[in-house]
Amino acid sequence: MTVEELRDAGVRAVALVLVDNAGITRMKCVPIDGLARAAERGIGWSSVWGLALSDDSFAHEPGLYSPTGDVRLRADLDAAALLGCSPGWAWAPIDHYEQTGEPWAGCQRAFLRWMVERAREQGIELQAAWELEWTVGDDGPDGFEALHDGPGYGAATFGQTGDVMLELFDALDASGLEAEQIHPEYSDGQMELSLAVREPLRACDESVLARHVVRTVAAQAGWRASFSPRVVVGSVGNGAHIHFSVWRDGENQLAGGDGPEGLRPAGEAFLAGVLEHLPALTALGAPAPVSYARLQPSHWAGAYACWGNENREAALRLEGTGGPAAARRANVEWKSVDCAANPYLVVGAILAAGLDGLARGCTLPPAVSADPAELPEGERDAAGIVRLPETLTEAAEAFAASGMLREAMGEFLHDCVAAVRRAEAAATSGLDEESLVERYRWRF
């Protein structure tokens, strides 16, 4: 939207938003009269924020951390939207630029753009959609108090959730977001939103905007919304499942082929690349220490590196391949991702891994049709099914060792993310689940 379009819509101020390497959404706000300047020249921002942790401290990584150096945050007006939950306000994502005008090497949106362009040069297009889970409640005298107490997906919750869902439908629509469905989820207070399929950058922008709307609507109703991977000890936790499909020459490469489960050659190679790199990608999809309280076997979180057709325990779940709509609907759901993740890094890394699989002509192992946790260990080993990292430390080291991701992201962004993951893990070393849950409950 242009500045004049926003002004004509009654906008008086704009929230400029970024997601940092720790998954924290940061914000600076400008009056409408300052938006054109913010889009053209940007707003100052210390480069040290590329090393920010979730508690607002910083990873003091030698060679990366310095109090000197500034970047410019430029509002992307092409992605600006009205904030339907906050009359008079608009929202826009930002890009990081050097003072010289070149994209900053640490910009996560720039990384995703680079991967989209790299894919386009090879005739590949990705379509993506996010499913966001969050928990509505508040801290009470006896602990966490939830908006509803189930049952899972229960119509019995409607008295508690109906008004909130209606307000949310209206606010999302007024913000230009297409909500395919909203419903109470499995755990107490848990809700889920499915967003429409978009091209990668827009899908990620809309996931960030949707979270902003969700938090605001919850607050206006007297509650708080938490996107933390686990809000209550022992709960199933909140995921942020990313769905993606792979297209070439206008055809979905995940259906209509002669490969396993009907995959076309490009679809199989792309998916095989993602599967191979899943241990390293886990540091991006599950980036907080509390993520690993959620990423448990037999909890539909995708704790094992495997793929399967409609298998909700596989990290990569192929779905929508049956029936006459398969050519349009077939997609892969990466289940291991949670809402502490930076969406731009997640989708950029999917593209990087998939393109690596294409370049090397990778093939998939057999699809898994059972819960991998229930298979005999020898059978898992023979099938190459490995447990994804069980701690952030393990994931951080797998990520740091990935030459593929280092090349795709560039050394600076890759090293910043690795430093943040290692520092976040060190800062919480020795904490039990209850302490982790309390530490992160309201950070995401």
Protein backbone atom coordinates (compact mmCIF):
# COMPACT_ATOMS: atom_id res chain seq x y z
CA MET A 1 0.00 0.00 0.00
CA THR A 2 1.19 3.52 -0.67
CA VAL A 3 1.52 6.16 2.01
CA GLU A 4 -1.45 8.02 0.54
CA GLU A 5 -3.60 4.89 0.50
CA LEU A 6 -2.80 4.30 4.14
CA ARG A 7 -3.48 7.92 5.02
CA ASP A 8 -6.81 7.84 3.16
CA ALA A 9 -7.73 4.72 5.17
CA GLY A 10 -7.33 6.70 8.39
CA VAL A 11 -3.87 5.45 9.36
CA ARG A 12 -2.05 7.75 11.76
CA ALA A 13 0.88 5.54 12.72
CA VAL A 14 2.67 2.43 11.46
CA ALA A 15 4.26 -0.45 13.39
CA LEU A 16 7.48 -1.49 11.62
CA VAL A 17 8.30 -5.07 12.53
CA LEU A 18 11.18 -7.53 12.19
CA VAL A 19 11.84 -11.01 13.56
CA ASP A 20 15.35 -11.50 14.92
CA ASN A 21 17.56 -14.57 14.94
CA ALA A 22 16.18 -15.65 18.34
CA GLY A 23 12.63 -15.55 16.98
CA ILE A 24 11.63 -12.43 18.91
CA THR A 25 9.42 -9.97 17.04
CA ARG A 26 10.88 -6.47 17.43
CA MET A 27 9.10 -3.21 16.58
CA LYS A 28 9.69 0.47 15.89
CA CYS A 29 6.78 2.82 15.18
CA VAL A 30 6.55 5.93 13.04
CA PRO A 31 3.80 8.47 12.40
CA ILE A 32 2.23 8.31 8.97
CA ASP A 33 4.09 11.48 8.00
CA GLY A 34 7.39 9.69 8.62
CA LEU A 35 6.58 6.50 6.72
CA ALA A 36 7.89 7.64 3.32
CA ARG A 37 11.20 8.54 4.92
CA ALA A 38 11.32 5.19 6.74
CA ALA A 39 10.75 3.39 3.44
CA GLU A 40 13.32 5.39 1.49
CA ARG A 41 16.10 6.14 3.97
CA GLY A 42 15.29 3.79 6.81
CA ILE A 43 15.54 3.98 10.57
CA GLY A 44 18.72 3.39 12.53
CA TRP A 45 19.28 0.01 14.16
CA SER A 46 22.41 -1.40 15.76
CA SER A 47 23.89 -4.38 13.96
CA VAL A 48 24.39 -6.02 17.36
CA TRP A 49 20.71 -6.99 17.28
CA GLY A 50 21.73 -9.76 14.93
CA LEU A 51 23.14 -11.40 18.07
CA ALA A 52 20.17 -10.76 20.37
CA LEU A 53 18.90 -13.57 22.56
CA SER A 54 15.32 -14.09 23.63
CA ASP A 55 15.94 -12.40 27.01
CA ASP A 56 17.34 -9.24 25.32
CA SER A 57 20.94 -10.07 26.16
CA PHE A 58 23.46 -10.64 23.37
CA ALA A 59 25.81 -13.35 22.20
CA HIS A 60 29.28 -11.84 22.66
CA GLU A 61 30.78 -13.72 19.75
CA PRO A 62 34.37 -12.63 18.92
CA GLY A 63 34.51 -11.07 15.49
CA LEU A 64 30.74 -10.53 15.37
CA TYR A 65 29.77 -8.57 18.50
CA SER A 66 30.53 -4.85 18.46
CA PRO A 67 28.72 -1.79 19.82
CA THR A 68 29.75 0.10 16.69
CA GLY A 69 28.09 -0.14 13.30
CA ASP A 70 24.57 0.74 12.30
CA VAL A 71 22.17 -0.60 9.71
CA ARG A 72 19.03 0.97 8.30
CA LEU A 73 15.58 -0.54 8.68
CA ARG A 74 13.50 0.20 5.59
CA ALA A 75 9.75 -0.32 5.61
CA ASP A 76 8.52 -2.55 2.78
CA LEU A 77 5.43 -0.66 1.63
CA ASP A 78 4.54 -3.41 -0.86
CA ALA A 79 3.76 -5.62 2.16
CA ALA A 80 2.14 -2.94 4.34
CA ALA A 81 -1.30 -3.71 5.73
CA LEU A 82 -3.95 -2.11 7.85
CA LEU A 83 -4.13 -3.38 11.42
CA GLY A 84 -7.74 -4.44 11.63
CA CYS A 85 -7.45 -4.93 15.38
CA SER A 86 -6.16 -1.39 15.96
CA PRO A 87 -7.94 1.43 14.11
CA GLY A 88 -5.56 4.19 13.09
CA TRP A 89 -2.62 1.80 12.81
CA ALA A 90 -0.93 0.01 9.92
CA TRP A 91 1.78 -2.63 9.93
CA ALA A 92 4.79 -3.19 7.67
CA PRO A 93 7.75 -5.57 7.69
CA ILE A 94 11.24 -4.14 7.32
CA ASP A 95 14.41 -5.01 5.46
CA HIS A 96 17.93 -4.39 6.78
CA TYR A 97 20.26 -2.30 4.64
CA GLU A 98 23.83 -1.12 4.94
CA GLN A 99 24.46 2.62 5.15
CA THR A 100 25.66 2.36 1.54
CA GLY A 101 22.25 1.14 0.42
CA GLU A 102 23.24 -2.49 -0.11
CA PRO A 103 21.21 -5.24 1.61
CA TRP A 104 22.75 -6.12 4.98
CA ALA A 105 24.27 -9.60 5.08
CA GLY A 106 22.32 -10.32 8.26
CA CYS A 107 18.86 -9.60 6.83
CA GLN A 108 16.61 -12.65 7.10
CA ARG A 109 14.07 -11.38 4.54
CA ALA A 110 16.92 -10.76 2.09
CA PHE A 111 18.08 -14.36 2.60
CA LEU A 112 14.62 -15.64 1.71
CA ARG A 113 14.53 -13.40 -1.37
CA TRP A 114 17.91 -14.75 -2.49
CA MET A 115 16.68 -18.33 -2.15
CA VAL A 116 13.47 -17.57 -4.04
CA GLU A 117 15.51 -16.06 -6.87
CA ARG A 118 17.95 -18.98 -6.86
CA ALA A 119 15.02 -21.37 -7.17
CA ARG A 120 13.45 -19.32 -9.94
CA GLU A 121 16.68 -19.50 -11.93
CA GLN A 122 16.30 -23.28 -11.82
CA GLY A 123 12.66 -23.19 -12.84
CA ILE A 124 11.41 -23.97 -9.32
CA GLU A 125 8.68 -22.12 -7.45
CA LEU A 126 7.62 -22.77 -3.88
CA GLN A 127 4.15 -22.18 -2.47
CA ALA A 128 3.83 -22.04 1.31
CA ALA A 129 1.22 -21.80 4.04
CA TRP A 130 1.52 -21.61 7.82
CA GLU A 131 -0.53 -23.25 10.56
CA LEU A 132 -0.03 -21.34 13.80
CA GLU A 133 -0.81 -22.70 17.25
CA TRP A 134 -0.93 -20.56 20.39
CA THR A 135 -2.28 -20.68 23.90
CA VAL A 136 -4.65 -18.08 25.37
CA GLY A 137 -4.57 -17.53 29.11
CA ASP A 138 -2.83 -15.58 31.86
CA ASP A 139 -0.80 -16.07 35.01
CA GLY A 140 -3.09 -16.47 37.99
CA PRO A 141 -2.61 -16.99 41.73
CA ASP A 142 -2.65 -20.75 41.28
CA GLY A 143 -0.54 -20.83 38.12
CA PHE A 144 -1.44 -20.56 34.45
CA GLU A 145 -5.15 -19.99 33.80
CA ALA A 146 -6.36 -20.98 30.33
CA LEU A 147 -9.14 -19.50 28.21
CA HIS A 148 -10.73 -22.95 27.89
CA ASP A 149 -10.15 -26.39 29.37
CA GLY A 150 -11.10 -28.53 26.39
CA PRO A 151 -11.95 -31.11 25.27
CA GLY A 152 -9.62 -31.00 22.30
CA TYR A 153 -11.32 -29.38 19.30
CA GLY A 154 -14.39 -29.37 21.53
CA ALA A 155 -17.58 -27.53 20.64
CA ALA A 156 -18.11 -27.34 24.40
CA THR A 157 -15.46 -24.59 24.46
CA PHE A 158 -17.58 -22.30 22.30
CA GLY A 159 -18.89 -20.30 25.25
CA GLN A 160 -15.30 -19.35 26.08
CA THR A 161 -13.86 -19.18 22.55
CA GLY A 162 -16.71 -18.07 20.28
CA ASP A 163 -16.45 -14.32 20.85
CA VAL A 164 -12.66 -14.39 20.65
CA MET A 165 -12.73 -16.37 17.39
CA LEU A 166 -15.28 -14.00 15.87
CA GLU A 167 -13.21 -10.97 16.80
CA LEU A 168 -10.18 -12.70 15.37
CA PHE A 169 -11.89 -13.58 12.06
CA ASP A 170 -12.96 -9.94 11.70
CA ALA A 171 -9.56 -8.51 12.64
CA LEU A 172 -7.67 -10.84 10.31
CA ASP A 173 -9.99 -10.03 7.42
CA ALA A 174 -9.67 -6.29 8.06
CA SER A 175 -5.89 -6.75 8.02
CA GLY A 176 -6.02 -8.36 4.58
CA LEU A 177 -5.34 -11.87 5.86
CA GLU A 178 -7.22 -14.94 4.64
CA ALA A 179 -7.99 -17.26 7.53
CA GLU A 180 -8.89 -20.69 6.20
CA GLN A 181 -9.94 -21.91 9.64
CA ILE A 182 -9.62 -21.18 13.35
CA HIS A 183 -10.45 -23.67 16.08
CA PRO A 184 -9.75 -24.64 19.68
CA GLU A 185 -6.89 -27.13 19.63
CA TYR A 186 -5.86 -30.08 21.78
CA SER A 187 -4.47 -28.51 24.97
CA ASP A 188 -6.17 -26.23 27.49
CA GLY A 189 -6.36 -22.71 26.08
CA GLN A 190 -4.79 -23.78 22.79
CA MET A 191 -6.01 -22.36 19.46
CA GLU A 192 -4.97 -22.85 15.84
CA LEU A 193 -5.13 -20.70 12.71
CA SER A 194 -4.55 -21.92 9.16
CA LEU A 195 -3.46 -19.23 6.71
CA ALA A 196 -3.89 -19.29 2.94
CA VAL A 197 -1.26 -20.51 0.50
CA ARG A 198 1.06 -17.75 -0.72
CA GLU A 199 4.42 -17.23 -2.38
CA PRO A 200 7.23 -17.58 0.20
CA LEU A 201 7.89 -13.99 1.26
CA ARG A 202 4.23 -13.07 1.51
CA ALA A 203 3.48 -16.28 3.44
CA CYS A 204 6.11 -15.39 6.02
CA ASP A 205 5.03 -11.74 6.25
CA GLU A 206 1.45 -12.83 6.80
CA SER A 207 2.45 -15.28 9.53
CA VAL A 208 4.17 -12.44 11.43
CA LEU A 209 1.23 -10.11 10.92
CA ALA A 210 -1.23 -12.79 12.01
CA ARG A 211 0.63 -13.25 15.28
CA HIS A 212 0.46 -9.53 15.91
CA VAL A 213 -3.28 -9.57 15.34
CA VAL A 214 -3.76 -12.65 17.54
CA ARG A 215 -1.85 -11.09 20.45
CA THR A 216 -3.77 -7.83 20.17
CA VAL A 217 -7.21 -9.45 19.98
CA ALA A 218 -6.40 -11.61 23.00
CA ALA A 219 -5.26 -8.56 24.98
CA GLN A 220 -8.39 -6.64 24.04
CA ALA A 221 -10.43 -9.54 25.44
CA GLY A 222 -8.50 -9.43 28.72
CA TRP A 223 -6.19 -12.38 27.99
CA ARG A 224 -2.65 -12.98 26.76
CA ALA A 225 -1.65 -15.07 23.75
CA SER A 226 1.52 -17.14 23.92
CA PHE A 227 3.20 -18.68 20.89
CA SER A 228 5.85 -20.33 23.05
CA PRO A 229 6.59 -23.95 22.05
CA ARG A 230 5.40 -25.07 25.48
CA VAL A 231 3.27 -22.89 27.75
CA VAL A 232 2.37 -25.43 30.45
CA VAL A 233 4.52 -28.30 31.69
CA GLY A 234 3.30 -31.57 30.22
CA SER A 235 1.18 -30.04 27.46
CA VAL A 236 1.66 -31.02 23.83
CA GLY A 237 3.03 -27.58 22.98
CA ASN A 238 2.48 -25.08 20.19
CA GLY A 239 3.69 -25.81 16.68
CA ALA A 240 4.00 -23.63 13.60
CA HIS A 241 3.61 -26.22 10.87
CA ILE A 242 4.88 -24.99 7.52
CA HIS A 243 3.25 -26.49 4.44
CA PHE A 244 5.01 -26.21 1.08
CA SER A 245 4.58 -27.43 -2.47
CA VAL A 246 7.15 -27.48 -5.26
CA TRP A 247 6.21 -26.27 -8.73
CA ARG A 248 7.93 -26.40 -12.14
CA ASP A 249 6.40 -25.22 -15.42
CA GLY A 250 3.08 -24.68 -13.68
CA GLU A 251 2.87 -28.27 -12.42
CA ASN A 252 2.96 -29.46 -8.84
CA GLN A 253 5.98 -31.75 -8.49
CA LEU A 254 4.45 -33.55 -5.50
CA ALA A 255 1.70 -35.31 -7.45
CA GLY A 256 1.07 -37.00 -10.78
CA GLY A 257 4.47 -38.66 -11.09
CA ASP A 258 5.85 -42.18 -11.22
CA GLY A 259 8.04 -41.76 -8.14
CA PRO A 260 7.33 -42.87 -4.57
CA GLU A 261 3.82 -41.88 -3.45
CA GLY A 262 3.26 -40.24 -6.85
CA LEU A 263 6.12 -37.71 -6.62
CA ARG A 264 7.63 -36.32 -9.79
CA PRO A 265 11.46 -36.42 -10.08
CA ALA A 266 11.96 -32.78 -9.10
CA GLY A 267 9.60 -33.16 -6.16
CA GLU A 268 11.39 -36.26 -4.91
CA ALA A 269 14.85 -34.70 -5.22
CA PHE A 270 13.72 -31.49 -3.49
CA LEU A 271 12.08 -33.38 -0.62
CA ALA A 272 15.08 -35.70 -0.31
CA GLY A 273 17.34 -32.68 0.11
CA VAL A 274 15.16 -31.29 2.89
CA LEU A 275 15.05 -34.68 4.61
CA GLU A 276 18.82 -35.11 4.46
CA HIS A 277 19.45 -31.71 6.03
CA LEU A 278 16.72 -31.92 8.71
CA PRO A 279 19.11 -32.26 11.69
CA ALA A 280 20.77 -28.94 10.78
CA LEU A 281 17.45 -27.32 9.85
CA THR A 282 16.12 -28.19 13.30
CA ALA A 283 18.13 -25.31 14.79
CA LEU A 284 16.01 -22.98 12.66
CA GLY A 285 12.66 -24.71 13.08
CA ALA A 286 13.04 -25.40 16.82
CA PRO A 287 15.32 -22.55 17.92
CA ALA A 288 14.69 -22.25 21.68
CA PRO A 289 15.69 -24.57 24.53
CA VAL A 290 12.00 -25.00 25.37
CA SER A 291 11.38 -26.19 21.80
CA TYR A 292 12.78 -29.57 22.79
CA ALA A 293 10.16 -30.06 25.49
CA ARG A 294 7.70 -30.07 22.58
CA LEU A 295 9.81 -32.03 20.07
CA GLN A 296 9.13 -35.43 21.61
CA PRO A 297 8.37 -38.81 19.99
CA SER A 298 4.75 -39.92 19.67
CA HIS A 299 3.43 -36.38 20.20
CA TRP A 300 2.73 -35.50 16.53
CA ALA A 301 5.69 -33.13 16.61
CA GLY A 302 7.84 -34.94 14.02
CA ALA A 303 10.75 -35.95 16.26
CA TYR A 304 12.29 -38.36 13.72
CA ALA A 305 13.87 -37.48 10.38
CA CYS A 306 11.63 -39.42 8.04
CA TRP A 307 8.81 -38.84 5.59
CA GLY A 308 5.48 -40.50 5.08
CA ASN A 309 2.18 -40.12 3.26
CA GLU A 310 -0.33 -38.68 5.77
CA ASN A 311 1.88 -39.81 8.64
CA ARG A 312 1.54 -37.26 11.46
CA GLU A 313 4.56 -38.66 13.29
CA ALA A 314 6.90 -38.12 10.34
CA ALA A 315 8.83 -34.86 10.40
CA LEU A 316 7.91 -34.45 6.73
CA ARG A 317 4.27 -35.39 6.15
CA LEU A 318 3.15 -35.69 2.53
CA GLU A 319 -0.54 -34.84 2.28
CA GLY A 320 -3.28 -34.15 -0.22
CA THR A 321 -2.00 -36.59 -2.83
CA GLY A 322 -5.29 -38.45 -3.27
CA GLY A 323 -8.36 -37.55 -5.31
CA PRO A 324 -8.96 -35.28 -8.29
CA ALA A 325 -7.54 -32.18 -6.54
CA ALA A 326 -4.12 -33.73 -5.90
CA ALA A 327 -2.40 -31.72 -8.62
CA ARG A 328 -3.42 -28.55 -6.82
CA ARG A 329 -3.44 -29.64 -3.18
CA ALA A 330 -0.47 -31.99 -2.70
CA ASN A 331 2.02 -30.52 -0.25
CA VAL A 332 4.52 -31.39 2.45
CA GLU A 333 4.06 -30.38 6.08
CA TRP A 334 7.23 -29.90 8.15
CA LYS A 335 5.89 -30.70 11.61
CA SER A 336 8.98 -30.02 13.72
CA VAL A 337 8.74 -26.24 13.43
CA ASP A 338 7.40 -24.14 16.30
CA CYS A 339 6.46 -20.49 16.73
CA ALA A 340 9.81 -19.51 18.23
CA ALA A 341 11.18 -19.86 14.72
CA ASN A 342 11.99 -16.97 12.42
CA PRO A 343 9.71 -17.80 9.46
CA TYR A 344 12.01 -16.21 6.87
CA LEU A 345 14.93 -18.35 7.97
CA VAL A 346 12.76 -21.48 7.98
CA VAL A 347 11.41 -21.09 4.45
CA GLY A 348 14.74 -19.85 3.09
CA ALA A 349 16.42 -22.94 4.53
CA ILE A 350 13.75 -25.24 3.04
CA LEU A 351 14.54 -23.77 -0.36
CA ALA A 352 18.29 -24.06 0.18
CA ALA A 353 18.06 -27.71 1.25
CA GLY A 354 15.59 -28.62 -1.49
CA LEU A 355 17.69 -27.00 -4.19
CA ASP A 356 20.73 -28.87 -2.90
CA GLY A 357 18.76 -32.09 -3.27
CA LEU A 358 17.84 -31.14 -6.82
CA ALA A 359 21.43 -30.27 -7.74
CA ARG A 360 22.65 -33.66 -6.51
CA GLY A 361 19.74 -35.69 -7.84
CA CYS A 362 18.88 -37.05 -4.40
CA THR A 363 16.34 -39.82 -3.96
CA LEU A 364 14.13 -40.63 -1.01
CA PRO A 365 14.27 -43.67 1.26
CA PRO A 366 10.99 -45.62 1.54
CA ALA A 367 8.08 -43.73 3.05
CA VAL A 368 7.32 -44.53 6.69
CA SER A 369 3.76 -45.52 7.50
CA ALA A 370 4.12 -46.15 11.25
CA ASP A 371 5.11 -44.13 14.28
CA PRO A 372 8.91 -44.33 13.98
CA ALA A 373 9.24 -44.34 17.78
CA GLU A 374 7.42 -47.68 17.86
CA LEU A 375 9.63 -49.38 15.28
CA PRO A 376 12.41 -51.65 16.55
CA GLU A 377 15.70 -49.77 16.78
CA GLY A 378 17.30 -52.07 14.24
CA GLU A 379 14.49 -51.44 11.77
CA ARG A 380 14.86 -47.68 12.21
CA ASP A 381 18.61 -47.88 11.70
CA ALA A 382 18.23 -50.02 8.57
CA ALA A 383 15.78 -47.49 7.13
CA GLY A 384 18.06 -44.56 7.98
CA ILE A 385 15.49 -43.04 10.36
CA VAL A 386 17.35 -40.88 12.86
CA ARG A 387 16.12 -39.00 15.89
CA LEU A 388 16.29 -35.26 15.34
CA PRO A 389 18.44 -33.31 17.82
CA GLU A 390 17.11 -33.69 21.34
CA THR A 391 18.56 -30.44 22.69
CA LEU A 392 19.28 -27.00 21.31
CA THR A 393 22.99 -27.65 21.81
CA GLU A 394 22.84 -30.68 19.50
CA ALA A 395 20.84 -28.74 16.91
CA ALA A 396 23.18 -25.75 17.08
CA GLU A 397 26.22 -27.91 16.38
CA ALA A 398 24.50 -29.64 13.45
CA PHE A 399 23.61 -26.23 12.07
CA ALA A 400 27.10 -24.82 12.59
CA ALA A 401 28.61 -27.79 10.75
CA SER A 402 26.34 -27.41 7.70
CA GLY A 403 28.38 -26.17 4.78
CA MET A 404 25.24 -26.11 2.65
CA LEU A 405 23.49 -23.64 4.97
CA ARG A 406 26.65 -21.59 5.42
CA GLU A 407 26.94 -21.14 1.66
CA ALA A 408 23.24 -20.39 1.19
CA MET A 409 22.89 -17.95 4.08
CA GLY A 410 26.29 -16.35 3.75
CA GLU A 411 28.96 -16.59 6.43
CA PHE A 412 27.78 -13.60 8.46
CA LEU A 413 24.12 -14.59 8.87
CA HIS A 414 25.03 -18.25 9.39
CA ASP A 415 27.60 -17.40 12.07
CA CYS A 416 25.22 -15.00 13.82
CA VAL A 417 22.50 -17.65 14.02
CA ALA A 418 24.98 -20.26 15.28
CA ALA A 419 26.24 -17.84 17.94
CA VAL A 420 22.70 -17.04 19.08
CA ARG A 421 21.76 -20.73 19.33
CA ARG A 422 24.87 -21.62 21.29
CA ALA A 423 24.47 -18.67 23.65
CA GLU A 424 20.76 -19.39 24.20
CA ALA A 425 21.59 -23.00 25.05
CA ALA A 426 24.38 -21.97 27.43
CA ALA A 427 22.17 -19.41 29.18
CA THR A 428 19.64 -22.09 30.08
CA SER A 429 21.95 -24.99 30.78
CA GLY A 430 20.76 -27.02 33.74
CA LEU A 431 17.23 -25.59 33.87
CA ASP A 432 14.41 -28.10 34.24
CA GLU A 433 11.28 -28.05 32.09
CA GLU A 434 9.26 -26.02 34.58
CA SER A 435 11.91 -23.29 34.64
CA LEU A 436 12.19 -23.28 30.84
CA VAL A 437 8.43 -23.04 30.43
CA GLU A 438 8.22 -20.08 32.81
CA ARG A 439 11.23 -18.37 31.21
CA TYR A 440 9.80 -18.48 27.68
CA ARG A 441 6.03 -18.37 28.27
CA TRP A 442 5.56 -14.73 27.25
CA ARG A 443 8.59 -14.21 25.01
CA PHE A 444 6.96 -15.46 21.81
